């Protein structure tokens, strides 16, 4: 079975050289970002810069995770609803945070906040992307975040990423994490299999389990 990213490359029109298609596993950061941009997962600024060394906030990571998931088309952009006391319902991020929370991709803190402007940490980003792939917290044991990071390493999600617990993540690192997540092979209950992206371009793609509601 082909890796999922192979099917994406076969169908998506991306602004990278045709020669890069021959071995997509070797793509560097400058190749990955146009791919993720073309898929609506990560975008550049108004000047076309990807700002790869800038840190990523929790609200930005919420959008990235949701747009990487099977729930991406469920985001009600423009809906003024927020599940957290510190997320303004009129914020651009509120629809993504609502979507991701409803579908178990991420959650807030015990005090009812999401802390959207805080920088996302290594373990938080890894956990979000594992949930995008269909993993539940029960898959990791009770030792957060070591179980999550160990799982991510075992499926090659952390290849070419240098970071550590508690560290803030740059756009470069997040792009690689998302790319690795889409490139991983998954084996799951066939009765639950669906694709992250539109099924129209995944005839031979790896199918992955959709996460259930809740954290």
N, C-alpha and C. Protein backbone atom coordinates (compact mmCIF):
# COMPACT_ATOMS: atom_id res chain seq x y z
N UNK A 1 0.83 -1.18 0.00
CA UNK A 1 0.00 0.00 0.00
C UNK A 1 0.88 1.25 0.00
N UNK A 2 0.52 2.23 -0.79
CA UNK A 2 1.32 3.45 -0.86
C UNK A 2 1.13 4.27 0.40
N UNK A 3 2.15 5.06 0.70
CA UNK A 3 1.99 5.99 1.80
C UNK A 3 1.02 7.09 1.36
N UNK A 4 0.33 7.67 2.32
CA UNK A 4 -0.71 8.64 2.01
C UNK A 4 -0.19 9.82 1.24
N UNK A 5 0.98 10.31 1.60
CA UNK A 5 1.50 11.50 0.95
C UNK A 5 1.72 11.26 -0.54
N UNK A 6 1.98 10.02 -0.93
CA UNK A 6 2.15 9.71 -2.34
C UNK A 6 0.91 10.01 -3.14
N UNK A 7 -0.25 9.69 -2.59
CA UNK A 7 -1.51 9.97 -3.27
C UNK A 7 -1.78 11.46 -3.33
N UNK A 8 -1.39 12.18 -2.30
CA UNK A 8 -1.55 13.62 -2.30
C UNK A 8 -0.72 14.24 -3.41
N UNK A 9 0.53 13.79 -3.51
CA UNK A 9 1.41 14.33 -4.54
C UNK A 9 0.88 14.02 -5.93
N UNK A 10 0.32 12.85 -6.10
CA UNK A 10 -0.17 12.45 -7.42
C UNK A 10 -1.31 13.32 -7.89
N UNK A 11 -2.08 13.91 -6.95
CA UNK A 11 -3.27 14.64 -7.34
C UNK A 11 -3.18 16.13 -7.11
N UNK A 12 -2.42 16.56 -6.10
CA UNK A 12 -2.36 17.97 -5.78
C UNK A 12 -1.44 18.69 -6.75
N UNK A 13 -1.80 19.92 -7.12
CA UNK A 13 -0.94 20.74 -7.95
C UNK A 13 -0.15 21.62 -7.01
N UNK A 14 1.16 21.37 -6.91
CA UNK A 14 1.98 22.11 -5.97
C UNK A 14 3.11 22.80 -6.70
N UNK A 15 3.62 23.87 -6.09
CA UNK A 15 4.64 24.67 -6.75
C UNK A 15 6.04 24.19 -6.39
N UNK A 16 6.29 22.93 -6.70
CA UNK A 16 7.63 22.38 -6.55
C UNK A 16 8.01 21.74 -7.87
N UNK A 17 9.30 21.50 -8.06
CA UNK A 17 9.75 20.97 -9.33
C UNK A 17 9.28 19.54 -9.53
N UNK A 18 9.06 19.18 -10.79
CA UNK A 18 8.61 17.82 -11.10
C UNK A 18 9.66 16.80 -10.68
N UNK A 19 10.91 17.19 -10.69
CA UNK A 19 11.98 16.27 -10.30
C UNK A 19 11.84 15.84 -8.85
N UNK A 20 11.27 16.72 -8.03
CA UNK A 20 11.12 16.39 -6.60
C UNK A 20 10.13 15.26 -6.40
N UNK A 21 9.19 15.07 -7.33
CA UNK A 21 8.19 14.02 -7.19
C UNK A 21 8.82 12.64 -7.15
N UNK A 22 9.99 12.49 -7.76
CA UNK A 22 10.60 11.18 -7.88
C UNK A 22 10.92 10.56 -6.53
N UNK A 23 11.24 11.39 -5.56
CA UNK A 23 11.58 10.87 -4.23
C UNK A 23 11.07 11.86 -3.19
N UNK A 24 9.76 11.84 -2.95
CA UNK A 24 9.16 12.83 -2.07
C UNK A 24 9.60 12.67 -0.62
N UNK A 25 10.14 11.50 -0.25
CA UNK A 25 10.58 11.32 1.13
C UNK A 25 11.80 12.17 1.44
N UNK A 26 12.49 12.66 0.39
CA UNK A 26 13.69 13.46 0.60
C UNK A 26 13.42 14.95 0.50
N UNK A 27 12.18 15.35 0.42
CA UNK A 27 11.87 16.78 0.30
C UNK A 27 12.43 17.55 1.48
N UNK A 28 12.96 18.73 1.20
CA UNK A 28 13.44 19.59 2.28
C UNK A 28 12.34 20.57 2.68
N UNK A 29 12.64 21.41 3.64
CA UNK A 29 11.63 22.33 4.16
C UNK A 29 11.06 23.24 3.08
N UNK A 30 11.91 23.67 2.16
CA UNK A 30 11.45 24.57 1.11
C UNK A 30 10.51 23.90 0.13
N UNK A 31 10.57 22.57 0.03
CA UNK A 31 9.64 21.83 -0.81
C UNK A 31 8.35 21.53 -0.06
N UNK A 32 8.48 21.21 1.22
CA UNK A 32 7.32 20.81 2.02
C UNK A 32 6.31 21.93 2.16
N UNK A 33 6.79 23.15 2.42
CA UNK A 33 5.85 24.24 2.65
C UNK A 33 4.93 24.53 1.47
N UNK A 34 5.42 24.56 0.22
CA UNK A 34 4.49 24.75 -0.89
C UNK A 34 3.45 23.63 -0.98
N UNK A 35 3.84 22.41 -0.64
CA UNK A 35 2.88 21.30 -0.64
C UNK A 35 1.79 21.55 0.40
N UNK A 36 2.19 21.87 1.63
CA UNK A 36 1.20 22.10 2.68
C UNK A 36 0.35 23.33 2.38
N UNK A 37 0.95 24.32 1.75
CA UNK A 37 0.22 25.52 1.35
C UNK A 37 -0.85 25.17 0.31
N UNK A 38 -0.48 24.35 -0.66
CA UNK A 38 -1.42 23.98 -1.72
C UNK A 38 -2.60 23.18 -1.17
N UNK A 39 -2.37 22.50 -0.05
CA UNK A 39 -3.43 21.71 0.59
C UNK A 39 -4.20 22.50 1.63
N UNK A 40 -3.85 23.77 1.80
CA UNK A 40 -4.56 24.62 2.75
C UNK A 40 -4.24 24.33 4.20
N UNK A 41 -3.12 23.69 4.46
CA UNK A 41 -2.76 23.32 5.83
C UNK A 41 -1.94 24.42 6.49
N UNK A 42 -0.90 24.90 5.81
CA UNK A 42 -0.08 26.00 6.30
C UNK A 42 0.12 26.99 5.16
N UNK A 43 0.01 28.25 5.49
CA UNK A 43 0.10 29.28 4.47
C UNK A 43 1.21 30.27 4.79
N UNK A 44 1.65 30.99 3.76
CA UNK A 44 2.62 32.05 3.96
C UNK A 44 1.92 33.34 4.36
N UNK A 45 2.71 34.38 4.59
CA UNK A 45 2.11 35.67 4.91
C UNK A 45 1.71 36.38 3.62
N UNK A 46 1.25 37.59 3.76
CA UNK A 46 0.78 38.33 2.59
C UNK A 46 1.84 38.62 1.57
N UNK A 47 3.10 38.51 1.98
CA UNK A 47 4.21 38.76 1.06
C UNK A 47 4.78 37.48 0.47
N UNK A 48 4.14 36.35 0.76
CA UNK A 48 4.59 35.08 0.22
C UNK A 48 5.71 34.44 1.00
N UNK A 49 5.98 34.95 2.19
CA UNK A 49 7.04 34.37 3.03
C UNK A 49 6.47 33.33 3.97
N UNK A 50 7.20 32.23 4.16
CA UNK A 50 6.72 31.17 5.04
C UNK A 50 7.21 31.33 6.48
N UNK A 51 8.17 32.22 6.71
CA UNK A 51 8.61 32.52 8.08
C UNK A 51 8.88 31.24 8.88
N UNK A 52 9.71 30.40 8.34
CA UNK A 52 9.92 29.07 8.92
C UNK A 52 10.52 29.07 10.31
N UNK A 53 11.17 30.15 10.69
CA UNK A 53 11.80 30.16 12.01
C UNK A 53 10.95 30.87 13.07
N UNK A 54 9.75 31.29 12.69
CA UNK A 54 8.83 31.90 13.66
C UNK A 54 8.17 30.81 14.50
N UNK A 55 7.88 31.12 15.74
CA UNK A 55 7.20 30.15 16.60
C UNK A 55 5.72 30.10 16.28
N UNK A 56 5.10 28.97 16.59
CA UNK A 56 3.69 28.72 16.29
C UNK A 56 2.88 28.81 17.57
N UNK A 57 1.80 29.58 17.54
CA UNK A 57 0.93 29.68 18.71
C UNK A 57 -0.05 28.50 18.76
N UNK A 58 -0.69 28.36 19.89
CA UNK A 58 -1.67 27.27 20.04
C UNK A 58 -2.86 27.47 19.09
N UNK A 59 -3.28 28.69 18.87
CA UNK A 59 -4.39 28.91 17.94
C UNK A 59 -3.97 28.62 16.50
N UNK A 60 -2.73 28.94 16.15
CA UNK A 60 -2.24 28.62 14.81
C UNK A 60 -2.13 27.10 14.65
N UNK A 61 -1.65 26.42 15.67
CA UNK A 61 -1.55 24.97 15.62
C UNK A 61 -2.92 24.33 15.54
N UNK A 62 -3.92 24.94 16.18
CA UNK A 62 -5.29 24.42 16.10
C UNK A 62 -5.76 24.41 14.65
N UNK A 63 -5.51 25.49 13.94
CA UNK A 63 -5.91 25.56 12.52
C UNK A 63 -5.14 24.54 11.69
N UNK A 64 -3.84 24.43 11.93
CA UNK A 64 -3.01 23.49 11.17
C UNK A 64 -3.49 22.06 11.38
N UNK A 65 -3.74 21.70 12.64
CA UNK A 65 -4.18 20.34 12.94
C UNK A 65 -5.54 20.04 12.33
N UNK A 66 -6.47 20.96 12.46
CA UNK A 66 -7.81 20.75 11.89
C UNK A 66 -7.73 20.63 10.38
N UNK A 67 -6.93 21.48 9.74
CA UNK A 67 -6.83 21.44 8.28
C UNK A 67 -6.06 20.23 7.78
N UNK A 68 -5.39 19.51 8.67
CA UNK A 68 -4.72 18.26 8.32
C UNK A 68 -5.64 17.05 8.51
N UNK A 69 -6.80 17.27 9.08
CA UNK A 69 -7.63 16.17 9.54
C UNK A 69 -8.80 15.87 8.61
N UNK A 70 -9.49 14.79 8.93
CA UNK A 70 -10.69 14.41 8.20
C UNK A 70 -11.84 15.37 8.45
N UNK A 71 -11.69 16.25 9.42
CA UNK A 71 -12.75 17.19 9.79
C UNK A 71 -12.57 18.57 9.18
N UNK A 72 -11.61 18.73 8.30
CA UNK A 72 -11.28 20.05 7.79
C UNK A 72 -12.46 20.77 7.15
N UNK A 73 -13.34 20.04 6.51
CA UNK A 73 -14.48 20.68 5.84
C UNK A 73 -15.64 20.98 6.78
N UNK A 74 -15.48 20.63 8.05
CA UNK A 74 -16.53 20.90 9.03
C UNK A 74 -16.33 22.23 9.74
N UNK A 75 -15.26 22.94 9.41
CA UNK A 75 -14.99 24.22 10.06
C UNK A 75 -15.97 25.26 9.54
N UNK A 76 -16.78 25.79 10.45
CA UNK A 76 -17.78 26.79 10.07
C UNK A 76 -17.15 28.18 10.18
N UNK A 77 -16.34 28.54 9.17
CA UNK A 77 -15.68 29.83 9.17
C UNK A 77 -16.74 30.93 9.21
N UNK A 78 -16.59 31.85 10.13
CA UNK A 78 -17.58 32.92 10.26
C UNK A 78 -18.56 32.70 11.40
N UNK A 79 -18.62 31.45 11.90
CA UNK A 79 -19.48 31.15 13.04
C UNK A 79 -18.88 31.76 14.30
N UNK A 80 -19.65 32.57 14.99
CA UNK A 80 -19.14 33.28 16.17
C UNK A 80 -19.50 32.51 17.43
N UNK A 81 -18.82 31.40 17.63
CA UNK A 81 -19.01 30.56 18.81
C UNK A 81 -17.64 30.14 19.31
N UNK A 82 -17.46 30.16 20.62
CA UNK A 82 -16.19 29.73 21.20
C UNK A 82 -16.43 28.82 22.39
N UNK A 83 -15.70 27.72 22.48
CA UNK A 83 -15.86 26.81 23.62
C UNK A 83 -15.00 27.18 24.83
N UNK A 84 -14.21 28.26 24.73
CA UNK A 84 -13.30 28.61 25.81
C UNK A 84 -13.45 30.08 26.21
N UNK A 85 -13.27 30.33 27.47
CA UNK A 85 -13.48 31.67 28.01
C UNK A 85 -12.48 32.69 27.46
N UNK A 86 -11.30 32.24 27.07
CA UNK A 86 -10.28 33.18 26.60
C UNK A 86 -10.12 33.19 25.08
N UNK A 87 -11.06 32.59 24.37
CA UNK A 87 -11.07 32.64 22.91
C UNK A 87 -12.27 33.47 22.47
N UNK A 88 -12.00 34.66 21.94
CA UNK A 88 -13.06 35.55 21.49
C UNK A 88 -13.83 34.87 20.37
N UNK A 89 -15.16 34.88 20.49
CA UNK A 89 -15.99 34.21 19.49
C UNK A 89 -15.85 34.83 18.10
N UNK A 90 -15.37 36.08 18.04
CA UNK A 90 -15.19 36.74 16.74
C UNK A 90 -13.78 36.54 16.17
N UNK A 91 -12.93 35.83 16.91
CA UNK A 91 -11.57 35.58 16.46
C UNK A 91 -11.55 34.67 15.24
N UNK A 92 -10.57 34.87 14.36
CA UNK A 92 -10.43 34.01 13.19
C UNK A 92 -10.20 32.56 13.59
N UNK A 93 -9.61 32.36 14.79
CA UNK A 93 -9.25 31.01 15.23
C UNK A 93 -10.42 30.26 15.86
N UNK A 94 -11.45 30.99 16.30
CA UNK A 94 -12.54 30.35 17.05
C UNK A 94 -13.19 29.18 16.31
N UNK A 95 -13.49 29.28 15.00
CA UNK A 95 -14.12 28.14 14.32
C UNK A 95 -13.23 26.89 14.28
N UNK A 96 -11.93 27.10 14.15
CA UNK A 96 -11.00 25.97 14.13
C UNK A 96 -10.88 25.34 15.52
N UNK A 97 -10.83 26.18 16.53
CA UNK A 97 -10.73 25.67 17.90
C UNK A 97 -12.01 24.92 18.26
N UNK A 98 -13.15 25.43 17.84
CA UNK A 98 -14.42 24.75 18.09
C UNK A 98 -14.45 23.40 17.38
N UNK A 99 -14.07 23.37 16.13
CA UNK A 99 -14.06 22.14 15.34
C UNK A 99 -13.14 21.10 15.98
N UNK A 100 -11.91 21.50 16.27
CA UNK A 100 -10.94 20.56 16.82
C UNK A 100 -11.33 20.05 18.19
N UNK A 101 -11.95 20.91 18.99
CA UNK A 101 -12.39 20.49 20.31
C UNK A 101 -13.53 19.49 20.22
N UNK A 102 -14.48 19.78 19.36
CA UNK A 102 -15.63 18.88 19.17
C UNK A 102 -15.19 17.50 18.70
N UNK A 103 -14.15 17.46 17.90
CA UNK A 103 -13.73 16.20 17.28
C UNK A 103 -12.52 15.56 17.96
N UNK A 104 -12.18 16.05 19.14
CA UNK A 104 -11.18 15.38 19.95
C UNK A 104 -9.75 15.53 19.51
N UNK A 105 -9.45 16.53 18.68
CA UNK A 105 -8.07 16.74 18.23
C UNK A 105 -7.24 17.42 19.32
N UNK A 106 -7.88 18.29 20.08
CA UNK A 106 -7.20 18.95 21.19
C UNK A 106 -8.24 19.38 22.21
N UNK A 107 -7.74 19.82 23.36
CA UNK A 107 -8.62 20.25 24.44
C UNK A 107 -7.99 21.44 25.14
N UNK A 108 -8.74 22.04 26.05
CA UNK A 108 -8.23 23.18 26.79
C UNK A 108 -7.69 22.75 28.14
N UNK A 109 -7.57 23.72 29.02
CA UNK A 109 -7.04 23.49 30.35
C UNK A 109 -8.18 23.32 31.36
N UNK A 110 -7.85 22.86 32.53
CA UNK A 110 -8.86 22.57 33.55
C UNK A 110 -9.62 23.82 33.99
N UNK A 111 -9.01 24.99 33.80
CA UNK A 111 -9.67 26.23 34.20
C UNK A 111 -10.61 26.77 33.12
N UNK A 112 -10.81 26.00 32.06
CA UNK A 112 -11.73 26.41 31.00
C UNK A 112 -11.12 27.33 29.96
N UNK A 113 -9.80 27.44 29.93
CA UNK A 113 -9.14 28.28 28.94
C UNK A 113 -8.42 27.42 27.90
N UNK A 114 -8.09 28.08 26.79
CA UNK A 114 -7.33 27.42 25.73
C UNK A 114 -5.93 28.01 25.60
N UNK A 115 -5.77 29.24 26.08
CA UNK A 115 -4.50 29.97 25.99
C UNK A 115 -4.01 30.03 24.53
N UNK A 116 -4.84 30.61 23.67
CA UNK A 116 -4.57 30.59 22.22
C UNK A 116 -3.29 31.31 21.80
N UNK A 117 -2.87 32.31 22.57
CA UNK A 117 -1.69 33.09 22.17
C UNK A 117 -0.39 32.49 22.70
N UNK A 118 -0.49 31.49 23.56
CA UNK A 118 0.73 30.82 24.03
C UNK A 118 1.37 30.05 22.89
N UNK A 119 2.67 29.87 22.96
CA UNK A 119 3.36 29.09 21.94
C UNK A 119 3.08 27.60 22.16
N UNK A 120 2.86 26.89 21.08
CA UNK A 120 2.60 25.45 21.20
C UNK A 120 3.91 24.74 21.51
N UNK A 121 3.85 23.79 22.42
CA UNK A 121 5.05 23.04 22.79
C UNK A 121 5.17 21.76 21.97
N UNK A 122 6.34 21.22 22.01
CA UNK A 122 6.67 19.97 21.32
C UNK A 122 5.64 18.89 21.60
N UNK A 123 5.37 18.62 22.87
CA UNK A 123 4.46 17.54 23.23
C UNK A 123 3.01 17.85 22.86
N UNK A 124 2.64 19.13 22.92
CA UNK A 124 1.27 19.49 22.53
C UNK A 124 1.06 19.27 21.03
N UNK A 125 2.01 19.72 20.23
CA UNK A 125 1.89 19.55 18.78
C UNK A 125 1.88 18.08 18.39
N UNK A 126 2.76 17.30 19.01
CA UNK A 126 2.82 15.87 18.72
C UNK A 126 1.50 15.20 19.07
N UNK A 127 0.94 15.54 20.23
CA UNK A 127 -0.33 14.94 20.65
C UNK A 127 -1.46 15.29 19.70
N UNK A 128 -1.51 16.54 19.26
CA UNK A 128 -2.55 16.95 18.31
C UNK A 128 -2.47 16.14 17.02
N UNK A 129 -1.25 15.98 16.50
CA UNK A 129 -1.13 15.28 15.23
C UNK A 129 -1.39 13.77 15.38
N UNK A 130 -1.08 13.21 16.53
CA UNK A 130 -1.44 11.81 16.77
C UNK A 130 -2.96 11.65 16.76
N UNK A 131 -3.65 12.60 17.35
CA UNK A 131 -5.12 12.54 17.34
C UNK A 131 -5.68 12.73 15.94
N UNK A 132 -5.00 13.56 15.14
CA UNK A 132 -5.41 13.70 13.73
C UNK A 132 -5.36 12.34 13.04
N UNK A 133 -4.36 11.54 13.40
CA UNK A 133 -4.19 10.21 12.79
C UNK A 133 -5.12 9.16 13.39
N UNK A 134 -5.92 9.54 14.36
CA UNK A 134 -6.90 8.61 14.90
C UNK A 134 -6.55 7.99 16.23
N UNK A 135 -5.40 8.35 16.80
CA UNK A 135 -5.03 7.81 18.10
C UNK A 135 -5.85 8.47 19.20
N UNK A 136 -6.11 7.71 20.25
CA UNK A 136 -6.80 8.23 21.43
C UNK A 136 -5.83 8.23 22.59
N UNK A 137 -6.15 8.99 23.62
CA UNK A 137 -5.26 9.07 24.77
C UNK A 137 -5.05 7.71 25.44
N UNK A 138 -6.04 6.84 25.33
CA UNK A 138 -5.91 5.51 25.93
C UNK A 138 -4.84 4.67 25.23
N UNK A 139 -4.41 5.09 24.06
CA UNK A 139 -3.36 4.35 23.34
C UNK A 139 -1.97 4.62 23.92
N UNK A 140 -1.86 5.64 24.78
CA UNK A 140 -0.54 6.08 25.23
C UNK A 140 -0.23 5.75 26.68
N UNK A 141 -1.17 5.23 27.41
CA UNK A 141 -0.95 4.99 28.82
C UNK A 141 -1.15 6.26 29.63
N UNK A 142 -0.76 6.25 30.88
CA UNK A 142 -1.04 7.37 31.77
C UNK A 142 0.13 8.33 31.92
N UNK A 143 1.22 8.08 31.25
CA UNK A 143 2.43 8.87 31.44
C UNK A 143 2.56 9.95 30.37
N UNK A 144 1.68 10.98 30.41
CA UNK A 144 1.79 12.09 29.48
C UNK A 144 3.01 12.94 29.84
N UNK A 145 3.79 13.38 28.85
CA UNK A 145 3.65 13.18 27.42
C UNK A 145 4.56 12.10 26.85
N UNK A 146 5.16 11.31 27.74
CA UNK A 146 6.17 10.35 27.28
C UNK A 146 5.57 9.26 26.39
N UNK A 147 4.36 8.84 26.72
CA UNK A 147 3.71 7.83 25.89
C UNK A 147 3.40 8.34 24.50
N UNK A 148 2.97 9.60 24.42
CA UNK A 148 2.66 10.20 23.13
C UNK A 148 3.92 10.34 22.27
N UNK A 149 4.97 10.85 22.86
CA UNK A 149 6.21 11.04 22.10
C UNK A 149 6.80 9.70 21.68
N UNK A 150 6.72 8.71 22.55
CA UNK A 150 7.23 7.38 22.21
C UNK A 150 6.46 6.80 21.03
N UNK A 151 5.14 6.97 21.03
CA UNK A 151 4.32 6.49 19.91
C UNK A 151 4.70 7.21 18.63
N UNK A 152 4.85 8.53 18.72
CA UNK A 152 5.20 9.32 17.54
C UNK A 152 6.54 8.87 16.95
N UNK A 153 7.50 8.59 17.82
CA UNK A 153 8.80 8.12 17.33
C UNK A 153 8.67 6.77 16.66
N UNK A 154 7.81 5.92 17.18
CA UNK A 154 7.69 4.56 16.65
C UNK A 154 7.08 4.53 15.26
N UNK A 155 6.34 5.58 14.88
CA UNK A 155 5.74 5.62 13.54
C UNK A 155 6.42 6.69 12.67
N UNK A 156 7.61 7.10 13.08
CA UNK A 156 8.46 8.01 12.30
C UNK A 156 7.90 9.42 12.15
N UNK A 157 7.02 9.83 13.04
CA UNK A 157 6.49 11.18 12.98
C UNK A 157 7.52 12.24 13.34
N UNK A 158 8.57 11.86 14.05
CA UNK A 158 9.53 12.84 14.54
C UNK A 158 10.84 12.84 13.76
N UNK A 159 10.85 12.16 12.62
CA UNK A 159 12.05 12.15 11.78
C UNK A 159 12.43 13.58 11.38
N UNK A 160 13.71 13.90 11.47
CA UNK A 160 14.27 15.20 11.06
C UNK A 160 13.72 16.37 11.87
N UNK A 161 13.26 16.09 13.08
CA UNK A 161 12.80 17.14 13.98
C UNK A 161 13.67 17.11 15.23
N UNK A 162 14.31 18.21 15.53
CA UNK A 162 15.12 18.32 16.75
C UNK A 162 14.39 19.24 17.72
N UNK A 163 13.88 18.67 18.79
CA UNK A 163 13.18 19.44 19.81
C UNK A 163 13.15 18.62 21.08
N UNK A 164 12.45 19.11 22.10
CA UNK A 164 12.39 18.37 23.36
C UNK A 164 11.18 18.84 24.14
N UNK A 165 10.86 18.12 25.19
CA UNK A 165 9.71 18.43 26.02
C UNK A 165 9.76 19.88 26.50
N UNK A 166 8.63 20.55 26.38
CA UNK A 166 8.52 21.92 26.86
C UNK A 166 9.02 22.98 25.90
N UNK A 167 9.66 22.57 24.81
CA UNK A 167 10.20 23.54 23.85
C UNK A 167 9.11 24.05 22.91
N UNK A 168 9.21 25.31 22.58
CA UNK A 168 8.30 25.87 21.58
C UNK A 168 8.68 25.34 20.20
N UNK A 169 7.68 25.26 19.33
CA UNK A 169 7.89 24.71 17.98
C UNK A 169 7.87 25.82 16.93
N UNK A 170 8.80 25.78 16.01
CA UNK A 170 8.82 26.74 14.91
C UNK A 170 7.94 26.23 13.77
N UNK A 171 7.67 27.13 12.84
CA UNK A 171 6.89 26.74 11.66
C UNK A 171 7.63 25.67 10.85
N UNK A 172 8.94 25.75 10.83
CA UNK A 172 9.74 24.73 10.14
C UNK A 172 9.51 23.35 10.76
N UNK A 173 9.55 23.30 12.09
CA UNK A 173 9.37 22.03 12.79
C UNK A 173 7.94 21.50 12.64
N UNK A 174 6.97 22.41 12.72
CA UNK A 174 5.57 22.00 12.58
C UNK A 174 5.30 21.48 11.17
N UNK A 175 5.87 22.15 10.17
CA UNK A 175 5.69 21.70 8.79
C UNK A 175 6.22 20.28 8.62
N UNK A 176 7.39 20.03 9.18
CA UNK A 176 7.97 18.68 9.09
C UNK A 176 7.13 17.67 9.85
N UNK A 177 6.62 18.06 11.02
CA UNK A 177 5.76 17.16 11.80
C UNK A 177 4.50 16.80 11.03
N UNK A 178 3.87 17.78 10.41
CA UNK A 178 2.66 17.52 9.63
C UNK A 178 2.99 16.63 8.44
N UNK A 179 4.06 16.95 7.75
CA UNK A 179 4.48 16.15 6.60
C UNK A 179 4.74 14.71 7.00
N UNK A 180 5.49 14.52 8.09
CA UNK A 180 5.76 13.16 8.56
C UNK A 180 4.48 12.44 8.93
N UNK A 181 3.55 13.16 9.52
CA UNK A 181 2.28 12.55 9.92
C UNK A 181 1.50 12.06 8.71
N UNK A 182 1.48 12.86 7.65
CA UNK A 182 0.76 12.46 6.43
C UNK A 182 1.50 11.37 5.68
N UNK A 183 2.79 11.25 5.95
CA UNK A 183 3.63 10.27 5.26
C UNK A 183 3.66 8.92 5.97
N UNK A 184 3.13 8.86 7.17
CA UNK A 184 3.20 7.62 7.92
C UNK A 184 2.19 6.60 7.40
N UNK A 185 2.51 5.34 7.57
CA UNK A 185 1.59 4.28 7.19
C UNK A 185 0.80 3.86 8.41
N UNK A 186 -0.52 3.65 8.21
CA UNK A 186 -1.39 3.30 9.32
C UNK A 186 -2.11 1.99 9.02
N UNK A 187 -2.24 1.17 10.04
CA UNK A 187 -3.04 -0.04 9.94
C UNK A 187 -4.08 0.03 11.04
N UNK A 188 -5.35 0.05 10.67
CA UNK A 188 -6.42 0.24 11.64
C UNK A 188 -7.59 -0.67 11.33
N UNK A 189 -8.59 -0.62 12.17
CA UNK A 189 -9.83 -1.36 11.96
C UNK A 189 -10.43 -0.97 10.62
N UNK A 190 -10.54 -1.92 9.69
CA UNK A 190 -11.02 -1.60 8.34
C UNK A 190 -12.44 -1.05 8.33
N UNK A 191 -13.21 -1.34 9.35
CA UNK A 191 -14.58 -0.82 9.41
C UNK A 191 -14.61 0.66 9.71
N UNK A 192 -13.50 1.23 10.16
CA UNK A 192 -13.44 2.64 10.51
C UNK A 192 -12.61 3.46 9.54
N UNK A 193 -12.07 2.82 8.50
CA UNK A 193 -11.11 3.50 7.65
C UNK A 193 -11.73 4.58 6.78
N UNK A 194 -11.15 5.76 6.84
CA UNK A 194 -11.48 6.84 5.92
C UNK A 194 -10.18 7.56 5.62
N UNK A 195 -10.23 8.54 4.75
CA UNK A 195 -9.01 9.26 4.41
C UNK A 195 -8.99 10.63 5.05
N UNK A 196 -7.79 11.16 5.24
CA UNK A 196 -7.67 12.52 5.77
C UNK A 196 -8.24 13.52 4.77
N UNK A 197 -7.88 13.34 3.51
CA UNK A 197 -8.31 14.30 2.50
C UNK A 197 -9.40 13.71 1.61
N UNK A 198 -9.80 14.47 0.63
CA UNK A 198 -10.88 14.09 -0.28
C UNK A 198 -10.61 12.72 -0.89
N UNK A 199 -11.57 11.82 -0.77
CA UNK A 199 -11.41 10.45 -1.26
C UNK A 199 -11.23 10.38 -2.77
N UNK A 200 -11.53 11.46 -3.48
CA UNK A 200 -11.40 11.46 -4.93
C UNK A 200 -9.97 11.23 -5.39
N UNK A 201 -8.97 11.57 -4.54
CA UNK A 201 -7.60 11.37 -5.00
C UNK A 201 -6.83 10.40 -4.12
N UNK A 202 -7.52 9.37 -3.65
CA UNK A 202 -6.82 8.40 -2.80
C UNK A 202 -7.15 6.96 -3.17
N UNK A 203 -7.27 6.65 -4.43
CA UNK A 203 -7.63 5.30 -4.84
C UNK A 203 -6.70 4.25 -4.24
N UNK A 204 -5.40 4.54 -4.23
CA UNK A 204 -4.43 3.61 -3.68
C UNK A 204 -3.82 4.11 -2.39
N UNK A 205 -4.39 5.16 -1.82
CA UNK A 205 -3.78 5.78 -0.64
C UNK A 205 -4.00 4.94 0.60
N UNK A 206 -3.14 5.17 1.59
CA UNK A 206 -3.33 4.55 2.88
C UNK A 206 -4.52 5.21 3.55
N UNK A 207 -5.44 4.43 4.08
CA UNK A 207 -6.59 4.94 4.78
C UNK A 207 -6.32 4.91 6.27
N UNK A 208 -6.79 5.92 6.97
CA UNK A 208 -6.52 5.99 8.39
C UNK A 208 -7.80 6.14 9.20
N UNK A 209 -7.74 5.81 10.45
CA UNK A 209 -8.90 5.83 11.32
C UNK A 209 -9.27 7.25 11.70
N UNK A 210 -10.55 7.57 11.64
CA UNK A 210 -11.04 8.86 12.05
C UNK A 210 -11.22 8.88 13.56
N UNK A 211 -10.68 9.89 14.25
CA UNK A 211 -10.83 9.94 15.70
C UNK A 211 -12.28 10.15 16.10
N UNK A 212 -12.68 9.56 17.22
CA UNK A 212 -14.02 9.75 17.74
C UNK A 212 -14.09 11.05 18.51
N UNK A 213 -15.32 11.53 18.77
CA UNK A 213 -15.50 12.74 19.53
C UNK A 213 -14.91 12.60 20.92
N UNK A 214 -14.42 13.69 21.44
CA UNK A 214 -13.88 13.69 22.80
C UNK A 214 -12.39 13.54 22.84
N UNK A 215 -11.80 13.89 23.96
CA UNK A 215 -10.35 13.81 24.10
C UNK A 215 -9.90 12.40 24.42
